[in-house]
Amino acid sequence: MLSSEQKATLDDYVNIGHRSTPGWLWQSAAYITALLGMKQIEDGLQGNLGEIGVWQGRYLFLLGLLSRENEKVAGIDSFVHSPDPEGFARRVENRFNLDASTAGKLTLIKEDSTKLTPEKIRQNVEGDFRLFSVDGGHLAHEVLSDAALVSQMMVPGGIMILDDILNSTCPGVIEGTLDFLRSPQGSQFAPFCLVGNKLMVTDKASADHYRNYLLHVIQENKDASIFRDTAQTISDFPEGVYPKLCGSDLIVVTWSGDYLISDNGGPVLIRTKVCDMHEMDSPEVQLPSVVSLFERSAAVAG
């Protein structure tokens, strides 16, 4: 399990701390990622954590905070689109090394992900992965290549997180994601959750497990602001009927208080509304501790 210090850092990062690292991350996606990562630990699932498309590490550091002592974190990025490639890479490494729970765990692979093989990645990070974010190139062939690469390195029960699936400026992500899910390799995977701008997929044998877990958490915590809208939407459907993607039932997490901080830390987007930073103190964007909510839901399930 995670140490008490690591849990405290995880709580802070999900609720507030992620704002201080440049990048893009919907808070709802951070929250659900943390819940699923802790669920994997509760299940006894072992594996590394990784991301293609690191930028300055806002999401990668969250994955790092979900890693156990014996697990490693891989960050893959050529940094060719960064205005300061060496500076970006150095900031990511420093962020990991300055925190006791992530120090020494990170390996940065500074290469074009579309030219990598599973064998090359395993030369740098031994073992396969239980959580892996795909956020590299946003053209269709790049998304397809990255997803196909990652799919070969997932442990049974591992979760692949496909970013920017609903980003209207990057339609290639939609095309590449669907191409992957409809390919012979990708057809072994099933999407089970759409949250923020991320699509969560896992092997077909594990999809029901994670889907049912999220349904349990949502129903047990439907008064929490992050789950109130989703619980109402689920109740509006006939019992047992859910949105589908590529034939798989999908839990779509929607939250009226969701927000995205821009890369420079300035404007905040709540749904489609640009607002001032002081609105971050609104009760609608204050969330319960993700660790406490996870532990409470686990106790109820037990």
Foldseek 3Di string as FASTA:
>chain_A
DADPVLLVVLLCLLQPVLLVFFDKDKSFVLLVVLLLLVVCVVVVHDFAEEEEPQQQNSVQVSSLSSDDPPYAYEYEELCPVPPDSVVSVVNNLCVQCVDPSRRPRYDYHNDQQLPDALVVVCVRPPAAHQEYEYDHDLAQVSLLSNVLRNLVRHDANGKYKYFQCPPPVRVRSVNNVVVQCPDPSNVQKAWAEDEDGITIIHGPVCNVVSNVLVVLLLVVPCVWQQNVVQVVVQVVDPPPDADGDPRHHYRYGDGQQIWMQHSVSAWIQRPNDTDGPVCCPPSSSRGDRSVVSSVVSVVVVD
